[in-house]
Amino acid sequence: MCYSLSATKDQEVCTLCVAEKFFTYWNPPRVRETGALQNSANCSLRPTAAQEQRQGYTSFWNDCISSGLRGGILIELAMRGRIYLEPPTMRKKRLLDRKVLLKSDSPTGDVLLDETLKHIKATEPTETVQTWIELLTGETWNPFKLQYQLRNVRERIAKNLVEKGILTTEKQNFLLFDMTTHPVTNTTEKQRLMKKLQDSVLERWVNDPQRMDRRTLALLVLAHSSDVLENVFSCLTDDKYDVAMNRTKDLVELDPEVEGTKHNATEMIWAVLAAFNKS
């Protein structure tokens, strides 16, 4: 999965673990030249200690990250040739109507990916992308479906990043209890990934998702859907910030049904975006 940051660059940024652990730390409200605060209402909900940016825990107020991680897992499995969407038919043309099918059950070597693959293989009848995101997140009223929930995903991802030297592990005291946190130690890796996302919508903007690197496209879609992308652009100048946010907005507001049918499109990316748009 994309937390194989130090191993191979072609596996670095498909899922949201980068956004999960690198881009969700508290940032001070963005200040314009006019002195106005950007998203001041949203910022008022965040912790008020600026040092939390270094403490390494994700925001309690962001409830989008869990589903974003699961969507990223489905995208990664599709990119690795393990799953695919059933072909469209007259009755099932829409991305969200088509079921996720198993293409190969060979292990990927990643615990979370292989756990998800095992669930998909064992499930009859097959399920749609949106249903799988809900099941893997544990958002189901069916007690018989709770077995599909991926548990402790953030901690498992963090542990892997600690082993790779990207994060470290510390204990932080919060009044009545201690919390395990994972501050970033490899700031070079963080800055490289942030620069890669910034460049994708600025210097290297191609204005056509079919011409974009598909993993960068996946991370943009997932980071936006998980409400963490603004932090990536917060250090830009005002003009570049506006350009980056507007281009990202144009990208994620494209019709997934149209984009998913284009030549060489990665259907799973657009199906996940369609699922997030509907939720």
Protein backbone atom coordinates (compact mmCIF):
# COMPACT_ATOMS: atom_id res chain seq x y z
CA MET A 1 0.00 0.00 0.00
CA CYS A 2 1.15 3.58 -0.21
CA TYR A 3 2.92 3.48 3.10
CA SER A 4 5.67 1.61 1.24
CA LEU A 5 7.14 5.09 0.85
CA SER A 6 10.79 4.24 1.16
CA ALA A 7 10.59 1.04 -0.85
CA THR A 8 9.23 1.76 -4.33
CA LYS A 9 7.97 5.04 -5.71
CA ASP A 10 5.34 3.33 -7.88
CA GLN A 11 3.51 2.25 -4.71
CA GLU A 12 3.78 5.47 -2.74
CA VAL A 13 0.56 7.45 -2.93
CA CYS A 14 -2.51 5.50 -3.89
CA THR A 15 -4.26 5.26 -0.55
CA LEU A 16 -4.81 7.87 2.09
CA CYS A 17 -2.24 6.78 4.61
CA VAL A 18 -0.07 9.67 3.50
CA ALA A 19 -2.89 12.14 4.00
CA GLU A 20 -3.94 10.25 7.14
CA LYS A 21 -0.65 10.69 8.94
CA PHE A 22 1.07 13.58 7.15
CA PHE A 23 -1.61 16.08 6.20
CA THR A 24 -4.17 16.08 9.03
CA TYR A 25 -2.20 17.72 11.79
CA TRP A 26 -3.63 20.97 13.08
CA ASN A 27 -2.61 24.06 11.09
CA PRO A 28 -3.31 27.67 12.06
CA PRO A 29 -6.11 29.30 10.03
CA ARG A 30 -4.91 30.56 6.67
CA VAL A 31 -4.57 34.36 6.71
CA ARG A 32 -5.20 36.38 3.57
CA GLU A 33 -3.56 39.71 2.79
CA THR A 34 -6.76 41.31 4.03
CA GLY A 35 -6.30 39.61 7.39
CA ALA A 36 -9.48 37.57 7.03
CA LEU A 37 -9.40 34.02 8.36
CA GLN A 38 -10.08 31.21 5.94
CA ASN A 39 -12.66 28.69 7.21
CA SER A 40 -12.73 30.37 10.62
CA ALA A 41 -15.82 28.44 11.72
CA ASN A 42 -14.13 25.17 10.90
CA CYS A 43 -10.90 26.22 12.60
CA SER A 44 -12.74 27.10 15.78
CA LEU A 45 -13.52 23.41 16.21
CA ARG A 46 -9.89 22.42 16.05
CA PRO A 47 -7.50 22.17 19.00
CA THR A 48 -6.02 25.51 20.00
CA ALA A 49 -2.44 24.49 20.73
CA ALA A 50 -0.20 25.08 17.73
CA GLN A 51 2.32 22.55 18.97
CA GLU A 52 -0.14 19.77 18.11
CA GLN A 53 1.17 19.96 14.57
CA ARG A 54 4.28 18.26 15.94
CA GLN A 55 2.53 15.83 18.26
CA GLY A 56 1.39 13.46 15.57
CA TYR A 57 -2.26 12.63 16.12
CA THR A 58 -5.05 13.16 13.63
CA SER A 59 -7.95 15.53 14.10
CA PHE A 60 -10.86 14.25 16.18
CA TRP A 61 -13.19 16.39 14.04
CA ASN A 62 -12.47 14.75 10.70
CA ASP A 63 -14.84 11.82 10.28
CA CYS A 64 -14.04 11.41 6.56
CA ILE A 65 -10.61 9.81 6.87
CA SER A 66 -11.78 6.30 7.74
CA SER A 67 -13.92 5.92 4.62
CA GLY A 68 -11.18 7.58 2.56
CA LEU A 69 -8.69 4.95 3.67
CA ARG A 70 -11.05 2.14 2.69
CA GLY A 71 -11.69 3.72 -0.69
CA GLY A 72 -7.94 3.94 -1.20
CA ILE A 73 -7.55 0.26 -0.39
CA LEU A 74 -10.07 -0.65 -3.11
CA ILE A 75 -8.23 1.56 -5.61
CA GLU A 76 -4.88 0.00 -4.73
CA LEU A 77 -6.27 -3.52 -5.16
CA ALA A 78 -7.64 -2.56 -8.57
CA MET A 79 -4.32 -1.04 -9.62
CA ARG A 80 -2.53 -4.20 -8.58
CA GLY A 81 -4.84 -6.30 -10.73
CA ARG A 82 -6.62 -8.08 -7.87
CA ILE A 83 -10.16 -6.73 -8.32
CA TYR A 84 -12.20 -4.98 -11.00
CA LEU A 85 -15.70 -3.70 -11.67
CA GLU A 86 -18.08 -6.00 -13.50
CA PRO A 87 -18.56 -4.97 -17.13
CA PRO A 88 -21.44 -2.56 -17.78
CA THR A 89 -24.74 -3.97 -19.01
CA MET A 90 -28.04 -2.43 -20.07
CA ARG A 91 -29.31 -2.79 -16.50
CA LYS A 92 -26.06 -1.88 -14.78
CA LYS A 93 -24.36 1.00 -16.56
CA ARG A 94 -23.65 3.23 -13.58
CA LEU A 95 -20.40 2.77 -11.68
CA LEU A 96 -22.22 2.48 -8.36
CA ASP A 97 -24.50 -0.26 -9.67
CA ARG A 98 -21.70 -2.54 -10.81
CA LYS A 99 -20.27 -5.14 -8.43
CA VAL A 100 -16.65 -5.54 -7.35
CA LEU A 101 -15.31 -8.81 -8.75
CA LEU A 102 -12.22 -10.83 -7.90
CA LYS A 103 -9.57 -11.00 -10.61
CA SER A 104 -6.75 -12.64 -8.66
CA ASP A 105 -6.47 -13.83 -5.07
CA SER A 106 -2.68 -13.93 -5.05
CA PRO A 107 -1.32 -12.18 -1.93
CA THR A 108 -0.01 -8.64 -2.29
CA GLY A 109 2.31 -8.84 0.71
CA ASP A 110 0.41 -6.06 2.46
CA VAL A 111 -1.65 -7.09 5.48
CA LEU A 112 -4.54 -4.64 4.98
CA LEU A 113 -4.79 -5.28 1.25
CA ASP A 114 -4.71 -9.04 1.72
CA GLU A 115 -7.30 -8.88 4.50
CA THR A 116 -9.64 -6.92 2.22
CA LEU A 117 -8.95 -9.27 -0.66
CA LYS A 118 -9.89 -12.23 1.54
CA HIS A 119 -13.23 -10.59 2.40
CA ILE A 120 -14.02 -9.86 -1.25
CA LYS A 121 -13.17 -13.42 -2.27
CA ALA A 122 -15.39 -14.95 0.41
CA THR A 123 -18.44 -12.73 -0.16
CA GLU A 124 -21.49 -14.00 -2.01
CA PRO A 125 -23.37 -12.29 -3.49
CA THR A 126 -20.84 -9.73 -4.62
CA GLU A 127 -21.12 -6.11 -3.46
CA THR A 128 -20.73 -2.65 -4.99
CA VAL A 129 -17.93 -0.16 -4.31
CA GLN A 130 -20.10 1.96 -2.04
CA THR A 131 -21.22 -1.07 -0.04
CA TRP A 132 -17.64 -2.27 0.38
CA ILE A 133 -16.53 1.10 1.70
CA GLU A 134 -19.35 0.97 4.24
CA LEU A 135 -18.62 -2.62 5.22
CA LEU A 136 -14.88 -2.10 5.60
CA THR A 137 -15.52 1.00 7.70
CA GLY A 138 -18.07 -0.82 9.88
CA GLU A 139 -20.96 1.43 8.86
CA THR A 140 -23.61 -1.23 8.60
CA TRP A 141 -26.74 -2.08 10.54
CA ASN A 142 -26.42 -5.76 9.67
CA PRO A 143 -24.70 -7.57 12.58
CA PHE A 144 -23.72 -10.42 10.24
CA LYS A 145 -21.73 -7.96 8.14
CA LEU A 146 -19.62 -6.57 10.98
CA GLN A 147 -17.01 -9.25 10.32
CA TYR A 148 -15.93 -7.29 7.24
CA GLN A 149 -14.81 -4.24 9.20
CA LEU A 150 -11.09 -3.51 9.01
CA ARG A 151 -10.04 -2.73 12.56
CA ASN A 152 -7.27 -0.50 13.90
CA VAL A 153 -6.38 0.64 10.39
CA ARG A 154 -4.77 3.92 11.43
CA GLU A 155 -2.60 2.31 14.08
CA ARG A 156 -1.54 -0.48 11.74
CA ILE A 157 -0.58 2.05 9.07
CA ALA A 158 1.25 4.17 11.64
CA LYS A 159 3.20 1.15 12.88
CA ASN A 160 4.33 0.38 9.35
CA LEU A 161 5.43 3.99 8.85
CA VAL A 162 7.32 3.86 12.16
CA GLU A 163 9.15 0.76 10.96
CA LYS A 164 10.13 2.60 7.78
CA GLY A 165 11.46 5.58 9.69
CA ILE A 166 8.79 8.00 8.50
CA LEU A 167 7.10 8.38 11.90
CA THR A 168 8.09 7.77 15.50
CA THR A 169 6.02 6.77 18.53
CA GLU A 170 5.51 8.92 21.62
CA LYS A 171 3.13 9.22 24.56
CA GLN A 172 1.23 12.48 25.08
CA ASN A 173 -0.67 13.30 28.25
CA PHE A 174 -4.23 14.57 27.87
CA LEU A 175 -5.45 15.43 31.35
CA LEU A 176 -6.93 12.11 32.47
CA PHE A 177 -5.32 9.75 30.00
CA ASP A 178 -2.27 9.15 27.82
CA MET A 179 -2.49 8.93 24.06
CA THR A 180 -0.03 7.24 21.71
CA THR A 181 0.99 9.68 19.01
CA HIS A 182 3.13 9.33 15.89
CA PRO A 183 5.06 12.52 15.05
CA VAL A 184 6.73 12.81 11.66
CA THR A 185 10.48 12.24 11.79
CA ASN A 186 11.18 12.15 8.05
CA THR A 187 10.11 15.68 7.14
CA THR A 188 11.88 15.36 3.78
CA GLU A 189 9.43 12.64 2.76
CA LYS A 190 6.49 14.74 3.91
CA GLN A 191 7.66 17.77 1.97
CA ARG A 192 8.34 15.69 -1.14
CA LEU A 193 4.80 14.32 -1.16
CA MET A 194 3.26 17.71 -0.49
CA LYS A 195 5.33 19.21 -3.33
CA LYS A 196 4.21 16.40 -5.63
CA LEU A 197 0.54 17.17 -4.98
CA GLN A 198 1.07 20.90 -5.29
CA ASP A 199 2.90 20.50 -8.60
CA SER A 200 0.17 18.24 -9.97
CA VAL A 201 -2.31 21.13 -9.92
CA LEU A 202 0.18 23.94 -10.61
CA GLU A 203 3.39 23.52 -12.65
CA ARG A 204 2.44 20.08 -13.99
CA TRP A 205 -1.28 20.68 -14.43
CA VAL A 206 -2.50 18.96 -17.63
CA ASN A 207 -6.21 19.84 -17.42
CA ASP A 208 -7.12 16.28 -18.36
CA PRO A 209 -7.41 13.50 -15.74
CA GLN A 210 -6.69 10.86 -18.38
CA ARG A 211 -3.21 12.34 -18.85
CA MET A 212 -2.44 12.54 -15.13
CA ASP A 213 -0.41 9.95 -13.28
CA ARG A 214 -3.15 7.68 -11.98
CA ARG A 215 -1.74 7.41 -8.46
CA THR A 216 -1.50 11.16 -8.16
CA LEU A 217 -5.06 11.41 -9.45
CA ALA A 218 -6.16 8.85 -6.86
CA LEU A 219 -4.49 10.73 -4.00
CA LEU A 220 -6.03 14.05 -5.08
CA VAL A 221 -9.49 12.48 -5.18
CA LEU A 222 -9.07 10.71 -1.86
CA ALA A 223 -7.45 13.62 -0.04
CA HIS A 224 -10.22 15.95 -1.20
CA SER A 225 -12.93 13.49 -0.18
CA SER A 226 -11.29 13.08 3.23
CA ASP A 227 -11.16 16.84 3.79
CA VAL A 228 -7.40 17.04 4.21
CA LEU A 229 -6.28 18.55 0.91
CA GLU A 230 -6.51 22.17 2.01
CA ASN A 231 -3.67 21.63 4.48
CA VAL A 232 -1.43 20.57 1.59
CA PHE A 233 -2.01 23.89 -0.17
CA SER A 234 -2.00 26.12 2.92
CA CYS A 235 1.67 27.10 2.55
CA LEU A 236 1.21 28.39 -1.01
CA THR A 237 0.96 32.06 -1.89
CA ASP A 238 -2.56 33.44 -2.16
CA ASP A 239 -2.62 33.33 -5.96
CA LYS A 240 -1.27 29.78 -6.17
CA TYR A 241 -3.58 28.65 -3.38
CA ASP A 242 -6.62 29.89 -5.32
CA VAL A 243 -5.43 28.23 -8.52
CA ALA A 244 -4.73 24.91 -6.76
CA MET A 245 -8.09 24.82 -4.97
CA ASN A 246 -10.05 25.83 -8.08
CA ARG A 247 -8.35 23.23 -10.27
CA THR A 248 -8.93 20.54 -7.66
CA LYS A 249 -12.56 21.59 -7.42
CA ASP A 250 -12.92 21.34 -11.20
CA LEU A 251 -11.31 17.90 -11.11
CA VAL A 252 -13.50 16.36 -8.42
CA GLU A 253 -16.66 17.90 -9.88
CA LEU A 254 -16.20 16.04 -13.17
CA ASP A 255 -18.85 13.43 -13.88
CA PRO A 256 -17.39 10.06 -12.76
CA GLU A 257 -19.72 8.23 -15.13
CA VAL A 258 -18.27 10.10 -18.10
CA GLU A 259 -14.64 9.96 -16.99
CA GLY A 260 -14.83 6.28 -16.11
CA THR A 261 -15.75 5.33 -19.68
CA LYS A 262 -12.84 7.13 -21.33
CA HIS A 263 -9.90 5.27 -22.84
CA ASN A 264 -7.35 4.05 -20.28
CA ALA A 265 -9.43 5.37 -17.38
CA THR A 266 -9.05 3.62 -14.02
CA GLU A 267 -12.69 2.84 -13.31
CA MET A 268 -12.15 2.16 -9.63
CA ILE A 269 -10.89 5.72 -8.98
CA TRP A 270 -14.04 7.20 -10.50
CA ALA A 271 -16.28 4.65 -8.78
CA VAL A 272 -14.80 5.59 -5.40
CA LEU A 273 -15.29 9.29 -6.19
CA ALA A 274 -18.90 8.57 -7.18
CA ALA A 275 -19.41 6.77 -3.87
CA PHE A 276 -18.04 9.71 -1.89
CA ASN A 277 -20.16 12.18 -3.88
CA LYS A 278 -23.27 10.17 -3.03
CA SER A 279 -22.52 9.73 0.67
